């Protein structure tokens, strides 16, 4: 009761409903990406036909024998689609994890040690100017038998400088905060300050960065596969499927559209999921009214 004898409105039910709507919205954004990843991981066991066995005529239209028709050799497009996502997702996750972790460590160290930060900034500026395609081709030519393992280090090297700049920009205002200066005055080590003082306040930035790096890794790996830098025929790979079946797109469009849509849906759904999780982990302002 208030001093005037009137009861204050109970905001608890409204807050509960708002949290429930937020959780349901986050689940809707996360679910497509999780389902697609689960489908890609279990796809080899769900495929109706062997990976390299022709079951139809070349570029056969979708029908009973093959739900999405046949490819250039008459192999089942759906079966190859179910086989082709595992390596792509695993490679993109590896690149995103390594780049995000490296950028977080280096970015925090750069703002806590100004001299080191200036050197990191100059090095990052040089690497940012290197075109991704050129870098991937150079590493692939230097390691001709590396396949996809030649693409992964190229994507890490080329994606890390930009990610470092993002983390450093987000951490720079925090480095001058009172609690960080107090930890430095106590004689805490740089690693302690970065992990205990900076990193908890960078959760939203790190999650958003991870989502962006995953999407970029998907496109980089796909681009490399389309350029035949990576998996080689007869491997089932979404990007390689697009390249192989492009001449017959008018005969069986699904041979090209299905892997293209799979790549697009994977990138978009994962980006939405990471953006939703990042917004939930961002610090909330506390207001009094």
C-alpha atoms as a PDB file:
ATOM      1  CA  UNK A   1       0.000   0.000   0.000  1.00  0.00           C
ATOM      2  CA  UNK A   2       1.149   3.531  -0.695  1.00  0.00           C
ATOM      3  CA  UNK A   3       0.947   6.428   1.717  1.00  0.00           C
ATOM      4  CA  UNK A   4      -2.354   7.499   0.170  1.00  0.00           C
ATOM      5  CA  UNK A   5      -3.844   4.054   0.795  1.00  0.00           C
ATOM      6  CA  UNK A   6      -3.885   2.966  -2.850  1.00  0.00           C
ATOM      7  CA  UNK A   7      -2.098  -0.188  -4.023  1.00  0.00           C
ATOM      8  CA  UNK A   8       0.726   0.062  -6.532  1.00  0.00           C
ATOM      9  CA  UNK A   9       0.289  -1.837  -9.818  1.00  0.00           C
ATOM     10  CA  UNK A  10       1.899  -5.240  -9.778  1.00  0.00           C
ATOM     11  CA  UNK A  11       4.436  -5.328 -12.611  1.00  0.00           C
ATOM     12  CA  UNK A  12       5.626  -8.887 -11.924  1.00  0.00           C
ATOM     13  CA  UNK A  13       3.159 -10.601 -14.328  1.00  0.00           C
ATOM     14  CA  UNK A  14       4.090  -8.153 -17.090  1.00  0.00           C
ATOM     15  CA  UNK A  15       7.792  -8.761 -16.521  1.00  0.00           C
ATOM     16  CA  UNK A  16       7.224 -12.534 -16.547  1.00  0.00           C
ATOM     17  CA  UNK A  17       5.309 -12.347 -19.815  1.00  0.00           C
ATOM     18  CA  UNK A  18       8.003 -10.144 -21.335  1.00  0.00           C
ATOM     19  CA  UNK A  19      10.705 -12.625 -20.355  1.00  0.00           C
ATOM     20  CA  UNK A  20       8.640 -15.487 -21.757  1.00  0.00           C
ATOM     21  CA  UNK A  21       8.207 -13.643 -25.066  1.00  0.00           C
ATOM     22  CA  UNK A  22      11.950 -12.940 -25.160  1.00  0.00           C
ATOM     23  CA  UNK A  23      12.786 -16.594 -24.542  1.00  0.00           C
ATOM     24  CA  UNK A  24      10.321 -17.777 -27.181  1.00  0.00           C
ATOM     25  CA  UNK A  25      11.701 -15.270 -29.701  1.00  0.00           C
ATOM     26  CA  UNK A  26      15.238 -16.434 -28.994  1.00  0.00           C
ATOM     27  CA  UNK A  27      14.172 -20.061 -29.384  1.00  0.00           C
ATOM     28  CA  UNK A  28      12.534 -19.316 -32.738  1.00  0.00           C
ATOM     29  CA  UNK A  29      15.756 -17.737 -33.988  1.00  0.00           C
ATOM     30  CA  UNK A  30      18.038 -20.446 -32.633  1.00  0.00           C
ATOM     31  CA  UNK A  31      15.907 -23.459 -33.650  1.00  0.00           C
ATOM     32  CA  UNK A  32      16.401 -23.292 -37.471  1.00  0.00           C
ATOM     33  CA  UNK A  33      20.177 -23.199 -37.156  1.00  0.00           C
ATOM     34  CA  UNK A  34      20.228 -26.041 -34.642  1.00  0.00           C
ATOM     35  CA  UNK A  35      17.898 -28.157 -36.798  1.00  0.00           C
ATOM     36  CA  UNK A  36      20.001 -27.593 -39.894  1.00  0.00           C
ATOM     37  CA  UNK A  37      23.205 -28.452 -38.040  1.00  0.00           C
ATOM     38  CA  UNK A  38      21.555 -31.581 -36.613  1.00  0.00           C
ATOM     39  CA  UNK A  39      20.315 -32.556 -40.070  1.00  0.00           C
ATOM     40  CA  UNK A  40      23.764 -32.065 -41.568  1.00  0.00           C
ATOM     41  CA  UNK A  41      25.409 -34.147 -38.841  1.00  0.00           C
ATOM     42  CA  UNK A  42      22.895 -36.996 -39.117  1.00  0.00           C
ATOM     43  CA  UNK A  43      22.457 -36.696 -42.881  1.00  0.00           C
ATOM     44  CA  UNK A  44      24.764 -39.563 -43.877  1.00  0.00           C
ATOM     45  CA  UNK A  45      22.565 -41.953 -41.884  1.00  0.00           C
ATOM     46  CA  UNK A  46      19.343 -40.523 -43.352  1.00  0.00           C
ATOM     47  CA  UNK A  47      20.400 -40.702 -47.014  1.00  0.00           C
ATOM     48  CA  UNK A  48      18.247 -43.098 -49.032  1.00  0.00           C
ATOM     49  CA  UNK A  49      20.916 -43.925 -51.626  1.00  0.00           C
ATOM     50  CA  UNK A  50      24.701 -44.451 -51.608  1.00  0.00           C
ATOM     51  CA  UNK A  51      26.826 -41.396 -52.145  1.00  0.00           C
ATOM     52  CA  UNK A  52      28.361 -42.313 -55.532  1.00  0.00           C
ATOM     53  CA  UNK A  53      25.860 -44.755 -57.023  1.00  0.00           C
ATOM     54  CA  UNK A  54      23.852 -43.493 -60.031  1.00  0.00           C
ATOM     55  CA  UNK A  55      20.122 -44.058 -59.487  1.00  0.00           C
ATOM     56  CA  UNK A  56      18.661 -41.938 -62.313  1.00  0.00           C
ATOM     57  CA  UNK A  57      19.577 -40.566 -65.705  1.00  0.00           C
ATOM     58  CA  UNK A  58      21.938 -37.557 -65.660  1.00  0.00           C
ATOM     59  CA  UNK A  59      20.079 -34.406 -64.603  1.00  0.00           C
ATOM     60  CA  UNK A  60      16.838 -36.343 -64.174  1.00  0.00           C
ATOM     61  CA  UNK A  61      13.956 -34.267 -62.869  1.00  0.00           C
ATOM     62  CA  UNK A  62      12.620 -34.728 -59.366  1.00  0.00           C
ATOM     63  CA  UNK A  63      10.506 -37.848 -59.087  1.00  0.00           C
ATOM     64  CA  UNK A  64       9.750 -40.982 -57.145  1.00  0.00           C
ATOM     65  CA  UNK A  65      13.179 -42.537 -57.589  1.00  0.00           C
ATOM     66  CA  UNK A  66      14.962 -39.399 -56.376  1.00  0.00           C
ATOM     67  CA  UNK A  67      13.066 -36.726 -54.489  1.00  0.00           C
ATOM     68  CA  UNK A  68      15.280 -33.912 -55.799  1.00  0.00           C
ATOM     69  CA  UNK A  69      16.261 -35.642 -59.036  1.00  0.00           C
ATOM     70  CA  UNK A  70      19.712 -36.620 -60.235  1.00  0.00           C
ATOM     71  CA  UNK A  71      22.974 -34.752 -60.707  1.00  0.00           C
ATOM     72  CA  UNK A  72      25.336 -34.734 -63.696  1.00  0.00           C
ATOM     73  CA  UNK A  73      26.121 -38.424 -63.174  1.00  0.00           C
ATOM     74  CA  UNK A  74      22.626 -39.529 -62.176  1.00  0.00           C
ATOM     75  CA  UNK A  75      23.399 -39.641 -58.453  1.00  0.00           C
ATOM     76  CA  UNK A  76      20.658 -38.797 -55.969  1.00  0.00           C
ATOM     77  CA  UNK A  77      20.838 -35.059 -55.229  1.00  0.00           C
ATOM     78  CA  UNK A  78      19.109 -35.381 -51.856  1.00  0.00           C
ATOM     79  CA  UNK A  79      21.476 -38.094 -50.659  1.00  0.00           C
ATOM     80  CA  UNK A  80      24.508 -36.049 -51.666  1.00  0.00           C
ATOM     81  CA  UNK A  81      22.955 -32.979 -50.046  1.00  0.00           C
ATOM     82  CA  UNK A  82      22.584 -34.867 -46.768  1.00  0.00           C
ATOM     83  CA  UNK A  83      26.235 -35.946 -46.971  1.00  0.00           C
ATOM     84  CA  UNK A  84      27.634 -32.561 -47.987  1.00  0.00           C
ATOM     85  CA  UNK A  85      27.038 -30.374 -44.931  1.00  0.00           C
ATOM     86  CA  UNK A  86      29.038 -32.117 -42.228  1.00  0.00           C
ATOM     87  CA  UNK A  87      32.514 -31.070 -43.356  1.00  0.00           C
ATOM     88  CA  UNK A  88      31.360 -27.545 -44.217  1.00  0.00           C
ATOM     89  CA  UNK A  89      29.793 -26.942 -40.798  1.00  0.00           C
ATOM     90  CA  UNK A  90      32.736 -28.508 -38.950  1.00  0.00           C
ATOM     91  CA  UNK A  91      35.223 -26.358 -40.861  1.00  0.00           C
ATOM     92  CA  UNK A  92      33.197 -23.176 -40.332  1.00  0.00           C
ATOM     93  CA  UNK A  93      32.831 -23.887 -36.600  1.00  0.00           C
ATOM     94  CA  UNK A  94      36.561 -24.522 -36.270  1.00  0.00           C
ATOM     95  CA  UNK A  95      37.395 -21.265 -38.041  1.00  0.00           C
ATOM     96  CA  UNK A  96      34.846 -19.266 -36.017  1.00  0.00           C
ATOM     97  CA  UNK A  97      36.041 -20.664 -32.676  1.00  0.00           C
ATOM     98  CA  UNK A  98      39.741 -20.117 -33.410  1.00  0.00           C
ATOM     99  CA  UNK A  99      39.276 -16.613 -34.830  1.00  0.00           C
ATOM    100  CA  UNK A 100      36.974 -15.502 -32.003  1.00  0.00           C
ATOM    101  CA  UNK A 101      39.223 -16.893 -29.269  1.00  0.00           C
ATOM    102  CA  UNK A 102      42.354 -15.431 -30.859  1.00  0.00           C
ATOM    103  CA  UNK A 103      40.711 -12.044 -31.423  1.00  0.00           C
ATOM    104  CA  UNK A 104      39.415 -11.931 -27.835  1.00  0.00           C
ATOM    105  CA  UNK A 105      42.818 -12.665 -26.311  1.00  0.00           C
ATOM    106  CA  UNK A 106      44.776 -10.374 -28.626  1.00  0.00           C
ATOM    107  CA  UNK A 107      42.174  -7.573 -28.527  1.00  0.00           C
ATOM    108  CA  UNK A 108      42.112  -7.491 -24.720  1.00  0.00           C
ATOM    109  CA  UNK A 109      45.912  -7.560 -24.557  1.00  0.00           C
ATOM    110  CA  UNK A 110      46.090  -4.719 -27.068  1.00  0.00           C
ATOM    111  CA  UNK A 111      44.006  -2.329 -24.937  1.00  0.00           C
ATOM    112  CA  UNK A 112      45.754  -3.274 -21.685  1.00  0.00           C
ATOM    113  CA  UNK A 113      49.247  -2.892 -23.160  1.00  0.00           C
ATOM    114  CA  UNK A 114      49.255   0.246 -25.389  1.00  0.00           C
ATOM    115  CA  UNK A 115      52.673  -0.425 -26.920  1.00  0.00           C
ATOM    116  CA  UNK A 116      51.617  -3.931 -27.897  1.00  0.00           C
ATOM    117  CA  UNK A 117      48.299  -2.554 -29.084  1.00  0.00           C
ATOM    118  CA  UNK A 118      49.944  -0.173 -31.535  1.00  0.00           C
ATOM    119  CA  UNK A 119      52.002  -2.996 -33.028  1.00  0.00           C
ATOM    120  CA  UNK A 120      48.923  -5.218 -33.298  1.00  0.00           C
ATOM    121  CA  UNK A 121      46.963  -2.412 -34.932  1.00  0.00           C
ATOM    122  CA  UNK A 122      49.610  -1.821 -37.600  1.00  0.00           C
ATOM    123  CA  UNK A 123      49.895  -5.543 -38.331  1.00  0.00           C
ATOM    124  CA  UNK A 124      46.113  -5.901 -38.558  1.00  0.00           C
ATOM    125  CA  UNK A 125      45.908  -2.988 -40.993  1.00  0.00           C
ATOM    126  CA  UNK A 126      48.345  -4.736 -43.329  1.00  0.00           C
ATOM    127  CA  UNK A 127      46.514  -8.073 -43.258  1.00  0.00           C
ATOM    128  CA  UNK A 128      43.089  -6.456 -43.709  1.00  0.00           C
ATOM    129  CA  UNK A 129      44.260  -5.117 -47.080  1.00  0.00           C
ATOM    130  CA  UNK A 130      45.008  -8.645 -48.348  1.00  0.00           C
ATOM    131  CA  UNK A 131      42.097  -9.920 -50.509  1.00  0.00           C
ATOM    132  CA  UNK A 132      40.647 -13.153 -49.068  1.00  0.00           C
ATOM    133  CA  UNK A 133      40.565 -14.941 -52.422  1.00  0.00           C
ATOM    134  CA  UNK A 134      44.214 -14.144 -53.079  1.00  0.00           C
ATOM    135  CA  UNK A 135      45.250 -15.334 -49.628  1.00  0.00           C
ATOM    136  CA  UNK A 136      43.335 -18.591 -49.974  1.00  0.00           C
ATOM    137  CA  UNK A 137      44.816 -19.250 -53.402  1.00  0.00           C
ATOM    138  CA  UNK A 138      48.358 -18.552 -52.153  1.00  0.00           C
ATOM    139  CA  UNK A 139      48.020 -20.980 -49.262  1.00  0.00           C
ATOM    140  CA  UNK A 140      46.323 -23.577 -51.470  1.00  0.00           C
ATOM    141  CA  UNK A 141      49.138 -23.332 -54.018  1.00  0.00           C
ATOM    142  CA  UNK A 142      51.743 -23.653 -51.272  1.00  0.00           C
ATOM    143  CA  UNK A 143      49.891 -26.707 -49.898  1.00  0.00           C
ATOM    144  CA  UNK A 144      48.395 -28.380 -52.989  1.00  0.00           C
ATOM    145  CA  UNK A 145      47.377 -31.586 -51.228  1.00  0.00           C
ATOM    146  CA  UNK A 146      45.878 -29.891 -48.204  1.00  0.00           C
ATOM    147  CA  UNK A 147      42.292 -29.794 -49.472  1.00  0.00           C
ATOM    148  CA  UNK A 148      39.988 -28.157 -46.941  1.00  0.00           C
ATOM    149  CA  UNK A 149      42.773 -28.119 -44.363  1.00  0.00           C
ATOM    150  CA  UNK A 150      44.527 -25.586 -46.596  1.00  0.00           C
ATOM    151  CA  UNK A 151      41.447 -23.340 -46.542  1.00  0.00           C
ATOM    152  CA  UNK A 152      41.038 -23.348 -42.744  1.00  0.00           C
ATOM    153  CA  UNK A 153      44.384 -21.668 -41.864  1.00  0.00           C
ATOM    154  CA  UNK A 154      43.881 -19.167 -44.684  1.00  0.00           C
ATOM    155  CA  UNK A 155      40.469 -18.197 -43.320  1.00  0.00           C
ATOM    156  CA  UNK A 156      41.889 -17.909 -39.787  1.00  0.00           C
ATOM    157  CA  UNK A 157      44.802 -15.718 -40.874  1.00  0.00           C
ATOM    158  CA  UNK A 158      42.636 -13.464 -43.028  1.00  0.00           C
ATOM    159  CA  UNK A 159      39.704 -13.233 -40.595  1.00  0.00           C
ATOM    160  CA  UNK A 160      41.611 -12.585 -37.370  1.00  0.00           C
ATOM    161  CA  UNK A 161      42.866  -9.001 -37.985  1.00  0.00           C
ATOM    162  CA  UNK A 162      39.394  -7.556 -38.524  1.00  0.00           C
ATOM    163  CA  UNK A 163      38.072  -9.493 -35.525  1.00  0.00           C
ATOM    164  CA  UNK A 164      40.910  -8.166 -33.356  1.00  0.00           C
ATOM    165  CA  UNK A 165      40.006  -4.612 -34.286  1.00  0.00           C
ATOM    166  CA  UNK A 166      36.368  -5.220 -33.304  1.00  0.00           C
ATOM    167  CA  UNK A 167      37.267  -6.652 -29.878  1.00  0.00           C
ATOM    168  CA  UNK A 168      39.830  -3.931 -29.230  1.00  0.00           C
ATOM    169  CA  UNK A 169      37.311  -1.212 -30.108  1.00  0.00           C
ATOM    170  CA  UNK A 170      34.750  -2.699 -27.731  1.00  0.00           C
ATOM    171  CA  UNK A 171      37.299  -3.213 -24.937  1.00  0.00           C
ATOM    172  CA  UNK A 172      38.952   0.204 -25.195  1.00  0.00           C
ATOM    173  CA  UNK A 173      36.278   2.088 -23.165  1.00  0.00           C
ATOM    174  CA  UNK A 174      36.345  -0.634 -20.519  1.00  0.00           C
ATOM    175  CA  UNK A 175      40.123  -0.424 -20.091  1.00  0.00           C
ATOM    176  CA  UNK A 176      39.767   3.019 -18.488  1.00  0.00           C
ATOM    177  CA  UNK A 177      36.949   1.959 -16.153  1.00  0.00           C
ATOM    178  CA  UNK A 178      37.484   2.268 -12.426  1.00  0.00           C
ATOM    179  CA  UNK A 179      37.359  -1.447 -11.674  1.00  0.00           C
ATOM    180  CA  UNK A 180      40.015  -2.163 -14.310  1.00  0.00           C
ATOM    181  CA  UNK A 181      42.274   0.587 -12.966  1.00  0.00           C
ATOM    182  CA  UNK A 182      41.744  -0.741  -9.442  1.00  0.00           C
ATOM    183  CA  UNK A 183      42.761  -4.243 -10.535  1.00  0.00           C
ATOM    184  CA  UNK A 184      45.873  -2.843 -12.229  1.00  0.00           C
ATOM    185  CA  UNK A 185      46.707  -0.820  -9.091  1.00  0.00           C
ATOM    186  CA  UNK A 186      46.478  -4.033  -7.030  1.00  0.00           C
ATOM    187  CA  UNK A 187      49.171  -5.496  -9.247  1.00  0.00           C
ATOM    188  CA  UNK A 188      46.947  -8.039 -11.002  1.00  0.00           C
ATOM    189  CA  UNK A 189      48.361  -9.685 -14.077  1.00  0.00           C
ATOM    190  CA  UNK A 190      47.196  -8.801 -17.556  1.00  0.00           C
ATOM    191  CA  UNK A 191      45.641 -12.244 -18.022  1.00  0.00           C
ATOM    192  CA  UNK A 192      43.641 -11.865 -14.808  1.00  0.00           C
ATOM    193  CA  UNK A 193      42.356  -8.412 -15.763  1.00  0.00           C
ATOM    194  CA  UNK A 194      41.416  -9.607 -19.246  1.00  0.00           C
ATOM    195  CA  UNK A 195      39.581 -12.726 -18.040  1.00  0.00           C
ATOM    196  CA  UNK A 196      37.969 -11.406 -14.861  1.00  0.00           C
ATOM    197  CA  UNK A 197      37.377  -7.733 -15.608  1.00  0.00           C
ATOM    198  CA  UNK A 198      37.117  -7.235 -19.376  1.00  0.00           C
ATOM    199  CA  UNK A 199      35.766 -10.485 -20.783  1.00  0.00           C
ATOM    200  CA  UNK A 200      32.534 -10.650 -18.701  1.00  0.00           C
ATOM    201  CA  UNK A 201      31.588  -7.243 -20.113  1.00  0.00           C
ATOM    202  CA  UNK A 202      32.383  -8.305 -23.679  1.00  0.00           C
ATOM    203  CA  UNK A 203      30.003 -11.281 -23.873  1.00  0.00           C
ATOM    204  CA  UNK A 204      27.636  -9.626 -26.336  1.00  0.00           C
ATOM    205  CA  UNK A 205      30.498  -8.498 -28.574  1.00  0.00           C
ATOM    206  CA  UNK A 206      32.150 -11.921 -28.523  1.00  0.00           C
ATOM    207  CA  UNK A 207      28.882 -13.752 -29.312  1.00  0.00           C
ATOM    208  CA  UNK A 208      28.069 -11.379 -32.168  1.00  0.00           C
ATOM    209  CA  UNK A 209      31.613 -11.716 -33.469  1.00  0.00           C
ATOM    210  CA  UNK A 210      31.403 -15.509 -33.325  1.00  0.00           C
ATOM    211  CA  UNK A 211      28.209 -15.446 -35.406  1.00  0.00           C
ATOM    212  CA  UNK A 212      29.750 -13.131 -37.999  1.00  0.00           C
ATOM    213  CA  UNK A 213      32.924 -15.217 -38.211  1.00  0.00           C
ATOM    214  CA  UNK A 214      30.893 -18.393 -38.685  1.00  0.00           C
ATOM    215  CA  UNK A 215      28.899 -16.837 -41.518  1.00  0.00           C
ATOM    216  CA  UNK A 216      32.056 -15.518 -43.151  1.00  0.00           C
ATOM    217  CA  UNK A 217      33.705 -18.938 -42.762  1.00  0.00           C
ATOM    218  CA  UNK A 218      30.735 -20.608 -44.464  1.00  0.00           C
ATOM    219  CA  UNK A 219      31.044 -18.258 -47.420  1.00  0.00           C
ATOM    220  CA  UNK A 220      34.844 -18.518 -47.579  1.00  0.00           C
ATOM    221  CA  UNK A 221      34.775 -22.324 -47.536  1.00  0.00           C
ATOM    222  CA  UNK A 222      31.952 -22.353 -50.083  1.00  0.00           C
ATOM    223  CA  UNK A 223      33.806 -19.940 -52.340  1.00  0.00           C
ATOM    224  CA  UNK A 224      36.942 -22.055 -52.097  1.00  0.00           C
ATOM    225  CA  UNK A 225      34.955 -25.195 -52.903  1.00  0.00           C
ATOM    226  CA  UNK A 226      33.392 -23.480 -55.908  1.00  0.00           C
ATOM    227  CA  UNK A 227      36.905 -22.616 -57.094  1.00  0.00           C
ATOM    228  CA  UNK A 228      37.904 -26.272 -56.523  1.00  0.00           C
ATOM    229  CA  UNK A 229      40.186 -25.328 -53.652  1.00  0.00           C
ATOM    230  CA  UNK A 230      39.273 -27.912 -51.073  1.00  0.00           C
ATOM    231  CA  UNK A 231      37.186 -31.062 -51.593  1.00  0.00           C
ATOM    232  CA  UNK A 232      37.650 -32.823 -54.923  1.00  0.00           C
ATOM    233  CA  UNK A 233      35.193 -34.968 -56.867  1.00  0.00           C
ATOM    234  CA  UNK A 234      33.566 -37.326 -56.109  1.00  0.00           C
ATOM    235  CA  UNK A 235      33.255 -35.802 -52.608  1.00  0.00           C
ATOM    236  CA  UNK A 236      29.811 -34.585 -51.615  1.00  0.00           C
ATOM    237  CA  UNK A 237      30.153 -30.891 -50.801  1.00  0.00           C
ATOM    238  CA  UNK A 238      27.486 -28.227 -51.153  1.00  0.00           C
ATOM    239  CA  UNK A 239      29.734 -25.731 -52.961  1.00  0.00           C
ATOM    240  CA  UNK A 240      31.201 -28.430 -55.167  1.00  0.00           C
ATOM    241  CA  UNK A 241      27.670 -29.618 -56.025  1.00  0.00           C
ATOM    242  CA  UNK A 242      26.841 -26.102 -57.263  1.00  0.00           C
ATOM    243  CA  UNK A 243      29.892 -25.995 -59.501  1.00  0.00           C
ATOM    244  CA  UNK A 244      29.454 -29.504 -60.873  1.00  0.00           C
ATOM    245  CA  UNK A 245      25.752 -29.178 -61.677  1.00  0.00           C
ATOM    246  CA  UNK A 246      25.679 -25.589 -62.956  1.00  0.00           C
ATOM    247  CA  UNK A 247      25.709 -26.682 -66.652  1.00  0.00           C
ATOM    248  CA  UNK A 248      22.471 -28.646 -66.131  1.00  0.00           C
ATOM    249  CA  UNK A 249      20.532 -26.127 -64.076  1.00  0.00           C
ATOM    250  CA  UNK A 250      17.810 -25.912 -66.722  1.00  0.00           C
ATOM    251  CA  UNK A 251      17.378 -29.689 -66.754  1.00  0.00           C
ATOM    252  CA  UNK A 252      17.253 -30.201 -62.976  1.00  0.00           C
ATOM    253  CA  UNK A 253      17.316 -26.894 -61.090  1.00  0.00           C
ATOM    254  CA  UNK A 254      17.293 -28.683 -57.712  1.00  0.00           C
ATOM    255  CA  UNK A 255      20.820 -29.966 -58.296  1.00  0.00           C
ATOM    256  CA  UNK A 256      21.985 -26.336 -57.923  1.00  0.00           C
ATOM    257  CA  UNK A 257      19.183 -24.715 -55.912  1.00  0.00           C
ATOM    258  CA  UNK A 258      19.191 -27.265 -53.077  1.00  0.00           C
ATOM    259  CA  UNK A 259      22.853 -26.802 -52.023  1.00  0.00           C
ATOM    260  CA  UNK A 260      22.595 -23.042 -52.616  1.00  0.00           C
ATOM    261  CA  UNK A 261      19.575 -22.789 -50.318  1.00  0.00           C
ATOM    262  CA  UNK A 262      21.280 -24.995 -47.732  1.00  0.00           C
ATOM    263  CA  UNK A 263      24.282 -22.636 -47.584  1.00  0.00           C
ATOM    264  CA  UNK A 264      22.068 -19.544 -47.424  1.00  0.00           C
ATOM    265  CA  UNK A 265      19.763 -20.942 -44.733  1.00  0.00           C
ATOM    266  CA  UNK A 266      22.733 -22.115 -42.660  1.00  0.00           C
ATOM    267  CA  UNK A 267      24.378 -18.678 -42.751  1.00  0.00           C
ATOM    268  CA  UNK A 268      21.188 -16.684 -42.129  1.00  0.00           C
ATOM    269  CA  UNK A 269      19.849 -18.887 -39.329  1.00  0.00           C
ATOM    270  CA  UNK A 270      23.185 -18.999 -37.504  1.00  0.00           C
ATOM    271  CA  UNK A 271      23.552 -15.233 -37.790  1.00  0.00           C
ATOM    272  CA  UNK A 272      20.043 -14.689 -36.381  1.00  0.00           C
ATOM    273  CA  UNK A 273      20.753 -17.099 -33.534  1.00  0.00           C
ATOM    274  CA  UNK A 274      24.019 -15.428 -32.561  1.00  0.00           C
ATOM    275  CA  UNK A 275      22.445 -11.950 -32.768  1.00  0.00           C
ATOM    276  CA  UNK A 276      19.595 -13.056 -30.512  1.00  0.00           C
ATOM    277  CA  UNK A 277      21.930 -14.612 -27.952  1.00  0.00           C
ATOM    278  CA  UNK A 278      24.175 -11.545 -28.054  1.00  0.00           C
ATOM    279  CA  UNK A 279      21.264  -9.209 -27.349  1.00  0.00           C
ATOM    280  CA  UNK A 280      20.217 -11.320 -24.369  1.00  0.00           C
ATOM    281  CA  UNK A 281      23.727 -11.351 -22.915  1.00  0.00           C
ATOM    282  CA  UNK A 282      24.220  -7.590 -23.288  1.00  0.00           C
ATOM    283  CA  UNK A 283      24.322  -5.660 -19.998  1.00  0.00           C
ATOM    284  CA  UNK A 284      20.937  -4.267 -19.087  1.00  0.00           C
ATOM    285  CA  UNK A 285      20.627  -0.728 -17.863  1.00  0.00           C
ATOM    286  CA  UNK A 286      19.159  -0.389 -14.386  1.00  0.00           C
ATOM    287  CA  UNK A 287      16.641   2.398 -14.107  1.00  0.00           C
ATOM    288  CA  UNK A 288      14.667   3.710 -11.192  1.00  0.00           C
ATOM    289  CA  UNK A 289      11.297   5.298 -11.640  1.00  0.00           C
END
